[in-house]
N, C-alpha and C. Protein backbone atom coordinates (compact mmCIF):
# COMPACT_ATOMS: atom_id res chain seq x y z
N MET A 1 -29.14 -4.11 -5.46
CA MET A 1 -27.79 -4.03 -6.05
C MET A 1 -26.89 -4.00 -4.68
N THR A 2 -27.02 -4.08 -3.69
CA THR A 2 -25.68 -3.94 -2.77
C THR A 2 -25.38 -5.46 -2.52
N HIS A 3 -25.84 -6.74 -3.05
CA HIS A 3 -25.54 -7.72 -3.07
C HIS A 3 -24.45 -7.99 -3.91
N HIS A 4 -24.91 -7.44 -5.46
CA HIS A 4 -24.18 -7.34 -6.43
C HIS A 4 -22.91 -6.76 -6.19
N LYS A 5 -22.94 -5.64 -5.98
CA LYS A 5 -21.95 -4.82 -5.61
C LYS A 5 -20.61 -5.35 -4.83
N LYS A 6 -21.45 -6.27 -3.88
CA LYS A 6 -20.58 -6.42 -2.80
C LYS A 6 -19.70 -7.86 -3.39
N THR A 7 -20.09 -8.39 -4.10
CA THR A 7 -19.82 -9.85 -5.02
C THR A 7 -18.91 -9.35 -5.94
N LEU A 8 -19.26 -8.05 -6.63
CA LEU A 8 -18.43 -7.77 -7.48
C LEU A 8 -17.28 -7.08 -6.71
N GLU A 9 -17.18 -6.64 -5.63
CA GLU A 9 -15.71 -5.87 -5.36
C GLU A 9 -14.62 -7.18 -4.75
N GLU A 10 -15.60 -8.46 -4.41
CA GLU A 10 -15.05 -9.44 -3.68
C GLU A 10 -14.09 -10.25 -4.84
N ARG A 11 -14.79 -10.43 -5.63
CA ARG A 11 -14.55 -10.80 -7.15
C ARG A 11 -13.20 -10.17 -7.85
N ILE A 12 -13.01 -8.80 -7.96
CA ILE A 12 -12.26 -8.04 -8.51
C ILE A 12 -11.24 -8.02 -7.17
N GLU A 13 -11.14 -8.01 -6.15
CA GLU A 13 -10.48 -8.14 -5.32
C GLU A 13 -9.15 -9.52 -5.34
N ARG A 14 -10.07 -10.32 -5.34
CA ARG A 14 -9.39 -11.96 -5.79
C ARG A 14 -8.44 -11.94 -7.01
N SER A 15 -9.01 -11.54 -8.12
CA SER A 15 -8.57 -10.95 -9.14
C SER A 15 -7.24 -10.15 -8.84
N LYS A 16 -7.61 -9.14 -8.32
CA LYS A 16 -5.81 -8.04 -7.82
C LYS A 16 -5.10 -9.01 -7.18
N ASP A 17 -5.25 -9.97 -6.12
CA ASP A 17 -4.66 -10.79 -5.47
C ASP A 17 -4.06 -11.70 -6.04
N VAL A 18 -4.51 -12.72 -7.09
CA VAL A 18 -4.03 -13.79 -8.04
C VAL A 18 -3.41 -12.87 -8.74
N LEU A 19 -3.09 -11.43 -9.43
CA LEU A 19 -2.44 -10.93 -10.04
C LEU A 19 -0.82 -10.17 -9.24
N LYS A 20 -0.82 -10.16 -8.44
CA LYS A 20 0.04 -9.61 -7.23
C LYS A 20 1.01 -10.88 -6.87
N GLU A 21 0.36 -11.95 -6.86
CA GLU A 21 1.02 -13.34 -6.41
C GLU A 21 1.86 -13.41 -7.46
N ASN A 22 1.11 -13.55 -9.06
CA ASN A 22 2.24 -14.05 -10.50
C ASN A 22 3.16 -13.13 -10.40
N LEU A 23 2.64 -11.76 -10.15
CA LEU A 23 4.17 -10.79 -10.18
C LEU A 23 4.69 -10.81 -9.05
N ASN A 24 4.74 -11.18 -7.92
CA ASN A 24 5.73 -11.93 -6.73
C ASN A 24 6.76 -12.87 -7.60
N THR A 25 6.51 -13.98 -8.09
CA THR A 25 7.15 -15.01 -8.62
C THR A 25 8.12 -14.33 -10.15
N VAL A 26 7.64 -13.19 -10.72
CA VAL A 26 8.71 -12.62 -11.46
C VAL A 26 10.32 -12.12 -11.13
N ARG A 27 10.80 -12.44 -11.11
CA ARG A 27 12.85 -12.13 -10.78
C ARG A 27 12.96 -10.91 -11.14
N ALA A 28 13.38 -9.52 -10.80
CA ALA A 28 13.28 -8.54 -10.74
C ALA A 28 14.73 -8.14 -10.30
N GLY A 29 15.70 -8.70 -10.65
CA GLY A 29 17.20 -8.16 -10.59
C GLY A 29 17.10 -8.33 -9.04
N ARG A 30 16.69 -8.19 -7.81
CA ARG A 30 16.78 -8.06 -6.47
C ARG A 30 15.99 -9.08 -5.80
N ALA A 31 16.48 -9.83 -4.43
CA ALA A 31 16.29 -10.59 -3.50
C ALA A 31 14.91 -10.87 -3.47
N ASN A 32 14.13 -11.68 -3.44
CA ASN A 32 12.50 -11.22 -2.74
C ASN A 32 12.11 -12.90 -2.28
N PRO A 33 11.91 -12.89 -1.10
CA PRO A 33 11.85 -14.27 -0.56
C PRO A 33 10.11 -14.90 -1.52
N ALA A 34 9.40 -14.17 -1.94
CA ALA A 34 8.29 -14.62 -2.63
C ALA A 34 8.54 -15.16 -4.26
N LEU A 35 9.74 -15.04 -4.50
CA LEU A 35 10.46 -15.47 -5.95
C LEU A 35 10.46 -17.47 -5.36
N LEU A 36 10.67 -17.51 -3.73
CA LEU A 36 10.56 -19.00 -3.83
C LEU A 36 8.98 -19.68 -3.23
N ASP A 37 7.99 -18.83 -3.69
CA ASP A 37 6.39 -19.53 -2.78
C ASP A 37 6.30 -20.43 -3.46
N LYS A 38 6.44 -20.53 -4.85
CA LYS A 38 5.73 -21.73 -5.32
C LYS A 38 6.87 -23.12 -5.42
N VAL A 39 7.44 -22.86 -4.80
CA VAL A 39 8.77 -23.83 -4.80
C VAL A 39 7.99 -25.08 -3.91
N MET A 40 8.42 -26.21 -4.37
CA MET A 40 7.92 -27.46 -3.75
C MET A 40 8.96 -28.34 -3.26
N VAL A 41 8.90 -28.79 -2.30
CA VAL A 41 10.23 -30.15 -1.91
C VAL A 41 9.37 -31.26 -1.81
N ASN A 42 9.99 -32.41 -2.10
CA ASN A 42 9.52 -33.43 -1.63
C ASN A 42 10.22 -34.15 -0.26
N TYR A 43 9.98 -33.93 0.52
CA TYR A 43 9.68 -34.29 2.19
C TYR A 43 9.54 -35.25 2.85
N TYR A 44 10.15 -36.28 2.82
CA TYR A 44 9.49 -37.74 3.07
C TYR A 44 8.61 -38.25 2.49
N GLY A 45 8.80 -38.10 0.94
CA GLY A 45 7.48 -38.52 0.27
C GLY A 45 6.41 -37.35 -0.28
N ALA A 46 6.02 -36.37 0.50
CA ALA A 46 5.00 -35.18 0.57
C ALA A 46 5.92 -34.33 -0.01
N PRO A 47 4.89 -33.78 -1.36
CA PRO A 47 5.42 -32.34 -1.98
C PRO A 47 4.87 -31.24 -0.53
N THR A 48 6.19 -30.81 -0.15
CA THR A 48 5.99 -29.68 0.87
C THR A 48 6.33 -27.75 0.34
N PRO A 49 5.74 -26.85 0.76
CA PRO A 49 6.07 -25.85 0.06
C PRO A 49 7.70 -25.49 1.07
N LEU A 50 8.53 -24.98 0.14
CA LEU A 50 9.93 -24.88 0.76
C LEU A 50 9.74 -23.74 1.92
N LYS A 51 8.57 -22.89 2.16
CA LYS A 51 8.93 -22.12 3.40
C LYS A 51 8.44 -22.53 4.34
N SER A 52 7.63 -23.52 4.41
CA SER A 52 7.52 -24.69 5.48
C SER A 52 8.66 -25.21 6.08
N LEU A 53 9.49 -25.80 5.29
CA LEU A 53 10.94 -26.09 5.58
C LEU A 53 11.94 -26.02 6.01
N ALA A 54 11.77 -24.25 5.76
CA ALA A 54 13.29 -23.30 6.33
C ALA A 54 12.90 -22.13 6.28
N ASN A 55 13.87 -21.52 6.84
CA ASN A 55 13.52 -19.84 6.98
C ASN A 55 14.15 -18.88 5.82
N ILE A 56 13.67 -18.25 5.10
CA ILE A 56 14.48 -17.78 4.00
C ILE A 56 14.29 -16.21 4.34
N SER A 57 15.54 -16.15 4.23
CA SER A 57 16.32 -14.50 4.50
C SER A 57 16.93 -13.40 3.44
N VAL A 58 16.80 -12.57 3.40
CA VAL A 58 17.62 -11.76 2.57
C VAL A 58 18.88 -11.20 3.12
N PRO A 59 20.10 -11.61 3.34
CA PRO A 59 21.39 -11.05 3.60
C PRO A 59 22.13 -10.12 2.87
N GLU A 60 21.62 -9.49 1.78
CA GLU A 60 22.43 -8.79 0.33
C GLU A 60 20.97 -8.47 -0.22
N PRO A 61 21.43 -7.23 -1.00
CA PRO A 61 19.89 -7.13 -2.04
C PRO A 61 19.79 -8.20 -3.22
N ARG A 62 21.24 -9.23 -3.30
CA ARG A 62 20.67 -10.03 -4.56
C ARG A 62 21.03 -11.36 -4.20
N THR A 63 21.14 -11.63 -2.73
CA THR A 63 20.94 -12.64 -2.51
C THR A 63 20.13 -13.48 -1.55
N LEU A 64 20.01 -14.58 -1.38
CA LEU A 64 18.35 -15.19 -0.81
C LEU A 64 19.23 -16.21 0.10
N LEU A 65 18.83 -16.09 1.30
CA LEU A 65 19.68 -17.10 2.32
C LEU A 65 18.66 -18.45 2.64
N ILE A 66 18.36 -19.46 2.48
CA ILE A 66 18.08 -20.24 2.94
C ILE A 66 18.24 -21.51 3.87
N SER A 67 17.65 -21.13 5.22
CA SER A 67 18.32 -21.83 6.64
C SER A 67 17.34 -23.33 6.79
N PRO A 68 17.38 -24.29 6.52
CA PRO A 68 16.48 -25.45 6.55
C PRO A 68 16.27 -25.40 7.87
N PHE A 69 15.13 -26.06 8.57
CA PHE A 69 15.01 -26.76 9.96
C PHE A 69 15.44 -27.55 10.41
N ASP A 70 15.45 -28.90 9.17
CA ASP A 70 15.92 -29.88 9.39
C ASP A 70 17.28 -30.37 7.96
N VAL A 71 18.23 -30.45 8.71
CA VAL A 71 19.60 -29.83 7.62
C VAL A 71 19.42 -30.91 6.75
N SER A 72 19.03 -32.62 7.26
CA SER A 72 19.05 -33.81 6.22
C SER A 72 18.54 -33.44 5.10
N ALA A 73 17.72 -32.23 4.87
CA ALA A 73 16.45 -32.21 3.66
C ALA A 73 17.09 -31.35 2.75
N ILE A 74 18.69 -30.41 3.18
CA ILE A 74 19.19 -29.70 2.05
C ILE A 74 18.75 -30.18 0.77
N ALA A 75 19.44 -31.33 0.70
CA ALA A 75 19.35 -31.67 -0.91
C ALA A 75 18.19 -31.84 -1.34
N ASN A 76 17.06 -31.89 -0.52
CA ASN A 76 15.69 -32.32 -1.22
C ASN A 76 15.27 -30.65 -1.84
N ILE A 77 16.02 -30.06 -0.49
CA ILE A 77 15.45 -28.57 -1.19
C ILE A 77 16.28 -28.34 -2.22
N GLU A 78 17.54 -28.66 -2.63
CA GLU A 78 18.23 -27.74 -3.91
C GLU A 78 17.60 -28.27 -4.88
N HIS A 79 17.21 -29.82 -4.76
CA HIS A 79 16.46 -30.44 -5.92
C HIS A 79 15.15 -29.67 -6.10
N GLY A 80 14.55 -29.43 -5.02
CA GLY A 80 13.40 -28.41 -5.44
C GLY A 80 13.15 -27.30 -5.84
N ILE A 81 14.32 -26.47 -5.71
CA ILE A 81 14.55 -25.59 -6.36
C ILE A 81 14.90 -25.45 -7.81
N ASN A 82 15.43 -26.58 -8.09
CA ASN A 82 16.35 -26.69 -9.60
C ASN A 82 14.69 -27.24 -10.29
N GLU A 83 14.24 -27.94 -9.72
CA GLU A 83 12.75 -28.39 -10.61
C GLU A 83 12.06 -27.20 -10.92
N ALA A 84 11.75 -26.31 -9.79
CA ALA A 84 10.88 -24.80 -9.57
C ALA A 84 11.00 -24.15 -11.11
N ASN A 85 12.76 -24.46 -11.71
CA ASN A 85 13.15 -23.61 -12.81
C ASN A 85 12.77 -22.40 -12.91
N ILE A 86 13.25 -21.64 -11.55
CA ILE A 86 13.61 -20.05 -11.42
C ILE A 86 14.64 -19.48 -11.96
N GLY A 87 15.29 -20.36 -12.80
CA GLY A 87 16.81 -19.74 -13.30
C GLY A 87 17.95 -19.09 -12.68
N ILE A 88 17.77 -19.61 -11.40
CA ILE A 88 19.00 -19.44 -10.05
C ILE A 88 19.53 -20.90 -10.03
N ASN A 89 20.55 -21.03 -9.76
CA ASN A 89 21.28 -22.09 -9.30
C ASN A 89 21.64 -22.29 -7.82
N PRO A 90 21.36 -23.28 -6.75
CA PRO A 90 21.61 -23.05 -5.20
C PRO A 90 22.76 -23.83 -5.20
N SER A 91 23.72 -22.92 -4.10
CA SER A 91 24.79 -23.23 -3.70
C SER A 91 24.69 -23.47 -2.26
N ASN A 92 24.96 -25.09 -1.83
CA ASN A 92 25.01 -25.45 -0.55
C ASN A 92 26.49 -25.46 0.42
N ASP A 93 26.36 -24.98 1.58
CA ASP A 93 27.66 -25.54 2.45
C ASP A 93 27.58 -26.07 3.18
N GLY A 94 26.37 -27.42 3.43
CA GLY A 94 26.06 -27.99 4.10
C GLY A 94 24.89 -27.81 5.22
N LYS A 95 24.96 -26.60 5.46
CA LYS A 95 24.18 -25.81 6.52
C LYS A 95 23.15 -24.99 6.11
N VAL A 96 23.64 -24.03 5.14
CA VAL A 96 22.27 -23.59 4.53
C VAL A 96 22.64 -23.15 2.93
N ILE A 97 21.60 -22.85 2.08
CA ILE A 97 21.75 -22.63 0.51
C ILE A 97 21.76 -21.03 0.48
N ARG A 98 22.63 -20.89 -0.33
CA ARG A 98 22.31 -19.48 -1.18
C ARG A 98 21.66 -19.46 -2.24
N LEU A 99 20.95 -18.85 -2.42
CA LEU A 99 20.83 -18.38 -4.13
C LEU A 99 21.02 -16.59 -4.86
N VAL A 100 22.26 -16.53 -5.16
CA VAL A 100 22.76 -15.71 -5.83
C VAL A 100 21.76 -14.98 -7.41
N ILE A 101 21.36 -13.93 -6.84
CA ILE A 101 20.01 -13.22 -8.23
C ILE A 101 20.92 -12.93 -9.44
N PRO A 102 21.27 -13.17 -10.49
CA PRO A 102 22.21 -12.44 -11.19
C PRO A 102 21.24 -11.61 -11.90
N GLN A 103 22.39 -10.62 -12.21
CA GLN A 103 21.98 -8.89 -12.85
C GLN A 103 21.42 -9.51 -14.38
N LEU A 104 20.20 -8.63 -14.33
CA LEU A 104 19.43 -9.48 -15.32
C LEU A 104 19.64 -8.43 -16.44
N SER A 105 19.63 -9.45 -18.09
CA SER A 105 20.31 -8.67 -19.60
C SER A 105 19.26 -7.81 -19.80
N GLU A 106 19.77 -7.18 -20.84
CA GLU A 106 18.72 -5.81 -21.02
C GLU A 106 17.01 -6.90 -21.87
N GLU A 107 17.57 -7.79 -22.64
CA GLU A 107 17.11 -8.83 -23.84
C GLU A 107 15.97 -9.67 -22.73
N ARG A 108 16.54 -10.26 -21.32
CA ARG A 108 15.85 -10.78 -20.36
C ARG A 108 14.97 -10.02 -19.35
N ARG A 109 14.95 -8.51 -19.58
CA ARG A 109 14.64 -7.82 -18.95
C ARG A 109 13.07 -7.31 -20.12
N LYS A 110 13.14 -7.02 -21.44
CA LYS A 110 12.27 -7.35 -21.95
C LYS A 110 11.36 -8.51 -22.40
N GLU A 111 12.08 -9.51 -21.68
CA GLU A 111 10.96 -10.88 -21.72
C GLU A 111 9.88 -10.80 -20.68
N LEU A 112 10.60 -10.52 -19.08
CA LEU A 112 9.94 -10.59 -17.97
C LEU A 112 9.08 -9.33 -18.50
N ASN A 113 8.87 -7.87 -19.12
CA ASN A 113 8.26 -6.91 -18.95
C ASN A 113 6.94 -7.12 -19.76
N LYS A 114 7.45 -8.01 -20.84
CA LYS A 114 6.08 -8.84 -21.87
C LYS A 114 5.43 -9.91 -21.01
N LEU A 115 6.09 -10.43 -20.32
CA LEU A 115 5.26 -11.36 -19.00
C LEU A 115 4.51 -10.71 -18.31
N VAL A 116 4.71 -9.58 -17.81
CA VAL A 116 4.16 -8.85 -16.48
C VAL A 116 2.97 -8.55 -17.31
N LYS A 117 3.52 -7.73 -18.40
CA LYS A 117 2.16 -7.20 -19.41
C LYS A 117 0.96 -8.27 -19.71
N GLN A 118 1.56 -9.64 -19.84
CA GLN A 118 0.79 -10.49 -19.77
C GLN A 118 -0.01 -10.79 -18.94
N TYR A 119 0.37 -10.99 -17.35
CA TYR A 119 -0.37 -10.71 -16.37
C TYR A 119 -1.26 -10.06 -16.26
N GLY A 120 -0.95 -8.66 -16.29
CA GLY A 120 -1.98 -7.79 -16.09
C GLY A 120 -3.20 -7.85 -17.42
N GLU A 121 -3.19 -8.29 -18.30
CA GLU A 121 -4.15 -8.65 -19.63
C GLU A 121 -4.96 -9.51 -19.20
N ASP A 122 -4.22 -10.82 -18.53
CA ASP A 122 -4.97 -11.84 -17.88
C ASP A 122 -6.29 -11.17 -16.81
N ALA A 123 -5.55 -10.27 -16.09
CA ALA A 123 -6.04 -9.67 -14.57
C ALA A 123 -7.63 -8.89 -14.83
N LYS A 124 -7.33 -8.34 -16.23
CA LYS A 124 -8.24 -7.39 -16.60
C LYS A 124 -9.27 -8.45 -17.65
N VAL A 125 -8.96 -9.47 -18.38
CA VAL A 125 -10.01 -9.97 -19.06
C VAL A 125 -11.15 -10.94 -17.65
N ALA A 126 -10.12 -10.94 -16.62
CA ALA A 126 -10.62 -11.85 -15.79
C ALA A 126 -11.91 -10.71 -14.99
N VAL A 127 -11.28 -9.21 -15.09
CA VAL A 127 -12.42 -8.66 -14.31
C VAL A 127 -13.63 -8.08 -15.06
N ARG A 128 -13.10 -8.16 -16.48
CA ARG A 128 -14.29 -7.86 -17.83
C ARG A 128 -15.12 -9.50 -17.79
N ASN A 129 -14.80 -10.57 -17.33
CA ASN A 129 -15.66 -11.62 -17.16
C ASN A 129 -16.43 -11.47 -15.83
N ILE A 130 -16.06 -10.76 -15.13
CA ILE A 130 -16.58 -10.86 -13.50
C ILE A 130 -17.85 -9.39 -13.60
N ARG A 131 -17.60 -8.69 -14.77
CA ARG A 131 -18.63 -7.21 -15.07
C ARG A 131 -19.56 -7.95 -15.71
N ARG A 132 -19.06 -9.01 -16.66
CA ARG A 132 -20.14 -9.68 -17.91
C ARG A 132 -21.12 -10.47 -16.63
N ASP A 133 -20.65 -11.45 -15.82
CA ASP A 133 -21.44 -12.20 -15.06
C ASP A 133 -22.35 -11.35 -14.09
N ILE A 134 -21.77 -10.33 -13.70
CA ILE A 134 -22.96 -8.99 -12.75
C ILE A 134 -23.81 -8.47 -13.33
N ASN A 135 -23.70 -8.02 -14.85
CA ASN A 135 -24.22 -7.48 -15.73
C ASN A 135 -25.68 -8.27 -15.99
N ASP A 136 -25.27 -9.81 -16.49
CA ASP A 136 -26.41 -10.37 -16.56
C ASP A 136 -27.21 -11.01 -15.64
N LYS A 137 -26.72 -10.58 -14.18
CA LYS A 137 -27.50 -11.12 -12.97
C LYS A 137 -28.36 -9.79 -12.60
N ILE A 138 -28.08 -8.66 -13.13
CA ILE A 138 -28.67 -7.40 -12.57
C ILE A 138 -29.88 -7.41 -14.32
N LYS A 139 -29.25 -7.75 -15.34
CA LYS A 139 -30.51 -7.81 -16.53
C LYS A 139 -31.24 -8.79 -16.14
N LYS A 140 -30.93 -9.86 -15.36
CA LYS A 140 -32.10 -11.21 -14.90
C LYS A 140 -32.90 -10.45 -13.64
N SER A 141 -32.29 -9.52 -12.73
CA SER A 141 -32.97 -9.50 -11.97
C SER A 141 -34.39 -8.25 -12.17
N GLU A 142 -33.97 -7.32 -13.51
CA GLU A 142 -34.78 -6.57 -13.86
C GLU A 142 -35.89 -7.08 -14.74
N LYS A 143 -35.42 -7.82 -15.33
CA LYS A 143 -36.93 -9.08 -16.08
C LYS A 143 -37.46 -9.83 -15.26
N ASP A 144 -37.30 -10.22 -14.19
CA ASP A 144 -37.55 -10.97 -12.96
C ASP A 144 -38.61 -10.45 -12.33
N GLY A 145 -38.64 -8.97 -12.51
CA GLY A 145 -39.16 -7.66 -11.57
C GLY A 145 -38.47 -7.39 -10.47
N GLU A 146 -37.75 -7.84 -9.96
CA GLU A 146 -36.97 -7.23 -8.79
C GLU A 146 -36.77 -6.11 -8.70
N LEU A 147 -35.83 -5.90 -9.84
CA LEU A 147 -35.48 -4.24 -10.21
C LEU A 147 -35.95 -3.15 -11.06
N THR A 148 -36.20 -2.22 -10.81
CA THR A 148 -37.16 -1.41 -11.83
C THR A 148 -36.03 -1.26 -13.17
N GLU A 149 -36.65 -0.18 -13.96
CA GLU A 149 -35.67 -0.25 -15.29
C GLU A 149 -34.69 0.79 -15.04
N ASP A 150 -34.53 1.92 -13.77
CA ASP A 150 -33.88 2.96 -13.45
C ASP A 150 -33.35 2.43 -12.61
N ASP A 151 -33.40 1.44 -11.62
CA ASP A 151 -32.03 0.67 -10.68
C ASP A 151 -31.95 -0.14 -11.59
N ALA A 152 -32.09 -0.72 -12.41
CA ALA A 152 -31.02 -1.55 -13.57
C ALA A 152 -30.32 -0.62 -13.84
N LYS A 153 -30.98 0.57 -14.39
CA LYS A 153 -29.50 1.14 -15.40
C LYS A 153 -28.49 1.74 -14.86
N ASN A 154 -29.39 2.07 -13.03
CA ASN A 154 -28.40 2.66 -12.40
C ASN A 154 -26.94 1.44 -11.53
N ALA A 155 -27.64 0.50 -11.37
CA ALA A 155 -26.66 -0.33 -11.09
C ALA A 155 -25.80 -1.23 -12.21
N LEU A 156 -26.14 -1.05 -13.35
CA LEU A 156 -24.91 -1.11 -14.87
C LEU A 156 -24.20 -0.28 -14.36
N ASP A 157 -24.57 1.44 -14.41
CA ASP A 157 -23.54 2.13 -14.16
C ASP A 157 -22.70 1.88 -13.15
N GLU A 158 -23.06 1.82 -12.09
CA GLU A 158 -22.28 1.48 -11.22
C GLU A 158 -21.23 0.28 -11.16
N THR A 159 -21.63 -0.44 -11.59
CA THR A 159 -20.87 -1.37 -12.20
C THR A 159 -19.59 -1.06 -13.50
N GLN A 160 -20.25 -0.44 -14.18
CA GLN A 160 -19.02 -0.01 -14.85
C GLN A 160 -17.75 0.87 -13.97
N LYS A 161 -18.54 1.47 -13.56
CA LYS A 161 -17.66 2.70 -12.64
C LYS A 161 -16.67 2.07 -11.63
N ILE A 162 -16.99 0.79 -11.40
CA ILE A 162 -16.54 0.08 -10.26
C ILE A 162 -15.04 -0.99 -10.95
N ILE A 163 -15.50 -1.21 -12.24
CA ILE A 163 -14.64 -2.37 -13.10
C ILE A 163 -13.57 -1.30 -13.59
N ASP A 164 -14.26 0.27 -14.33
CA ASP A 164 -12.79 1.02 -14.54
C ASP A 164 -12.01 1.18 -13.66
N LYS A 165 -12.29 1.82 -12.33
CA LYS A 165 -11.07 1.62 -11.28
C LYS A 165 -10.59 0.45 -11.10
N ALA A 166 -11.03 -0.50 -11.11
CA ALA A 166 -10.34 -2.14 -10.96
C ALA A 166 -9.30 -2.19 -12.21
N VAL A 167 -9.65 -1.76 -13.21
CA VAL A 167 -8.32 -1.69 -14.74
C VAL A 167 -7.59 -0.95 -14.14
N LYS A 168 -7.93 0.50 -13.79
CA LYS A 168 -6.88 1.56 -13.31
C LYS A 168 -5.99 1.02 -12.61
N ASP A 169 -6.35 0.51 -11.52
CA ASP A 169 -5.60 -0.29 -10.30
C ASP A 169 -4.88 -1.43 -11.17
N ILE A 170 -5.30 -2.33 -12.05
CA ILE A 170 -4.38 -3.21 -12.46
C ILE A 170 -3.19 -2.56 -13.09
N ASP A 171 -3.46 -1.78 -14.23
CA ASP A 171 -2.40 -0.63 -14.93
C ASP A 171 -1.66 0.06 -14.39
N GLN A 172 -2.19 0.31 -12.80
CA GLN A 172 -0.52 0.85 -11.79
C GLN A 172 0.28 -0.26 -11.18
N ILE A 173 -0.43 -1.45 -10.70
CA ILE A 173 0.07 -2.62 -10.19
C ILE A 173 1.21 -3.14 -11.12
N VAL A 174 0.93 -3.51 -12.62
CA VAL A 174 1.82 -3.65 -13.96
C VAL A 174 2.77 -2.65 -13.94
N GLU A 175 2.75 -1.49 -13.72
CA GLU A 175 3.51 -0.31 -14.45
C GLU A 175 4.27 -0.16 -13.21
N ALA A 176 3.74 -0.42 -11.74
CA ALA A 176 5.01 -0.60 -10.95
C ALA A 176 5.96 -2.02 -11.02
N LYS A 177 5.51 -2.49 -11.35
CA LYS A 177 6.19 -3.95 -11.56
C LYS A 177 7.24 -3.78 -12.71
N ASN A 178 6.49 -3.04 -13.73
CA ASN A 178 7.45 -3.05 -15.20
C ASN A 178 8.65 -2.08 -14.88
N LYS A 179 8.26 -1.00 -13.61
CA LYS A 179 9.58 -0.37 -13.40
C LYS A 179 10.48 -0.80 -12.89
N GLU A 180 10.29 -1.97 -11.59
CA GLU A 180 10.65 -2.55 -10.85
C GLU A 180 11.98 -3.29 -11.75
N VAL A 181 11.50 -4.05 -12.63
CA VAL A 181 12.02 -4.86 -13.65
C VAL A 181 12.94 -4.10 -14.50
N MET A 182 13.02 -3.04 -15.17
CA MET A 182 13.90 -2.28 -16.07
C MET A 182 14.85 -1.61 -14.73
N GLU A 183 14.87 -1.71 -13.73
CA GLU A 183 15.52 -0.85 -12.94
C GLU A 183 16.77 -1.88 -12.90
N VAL A 184 18.26 -0.81 -12.90
CA VAL A 184 19.46 -1.64 -13.29
C VAL A 184 19.84 -1.42 -11.78
């Protein structure tokens, strides 16, 4: 069971990490450099992540400041931000790019809440799929004679406890993000 438990916990952590990454891309009315994590820029013909081409800072609560390491790439960076479709128009002064995060409307907040909940549901589905895989392995081990009936039952119970805790963690992560989105 220890091997199954270790695999289970690792896969659950990966699912939670993916959830957190997805939630970081949800714009919640305040500036967060993680908004730009998925922005790719065409730099000398190669798609390059924005964060490896520029320094991203937050000088004010609702402003992101992008300082390119190579000023000649400023137009490509601006184009990459527009292509990423994050809903913010960049403005540049020739040296830096500013992104002013607009205040969210009530309607947009509700849309973002639905998106956050969907990300949470996706994470729960992933965790349930992990449970199914682990339970199948435990049952196979019992069938093959590697585990006794009692050991298999205990392993299945332990798996369920770990899954219940993971679902509770996911709910807490989603709830915290929803509070952040609804904050005015």
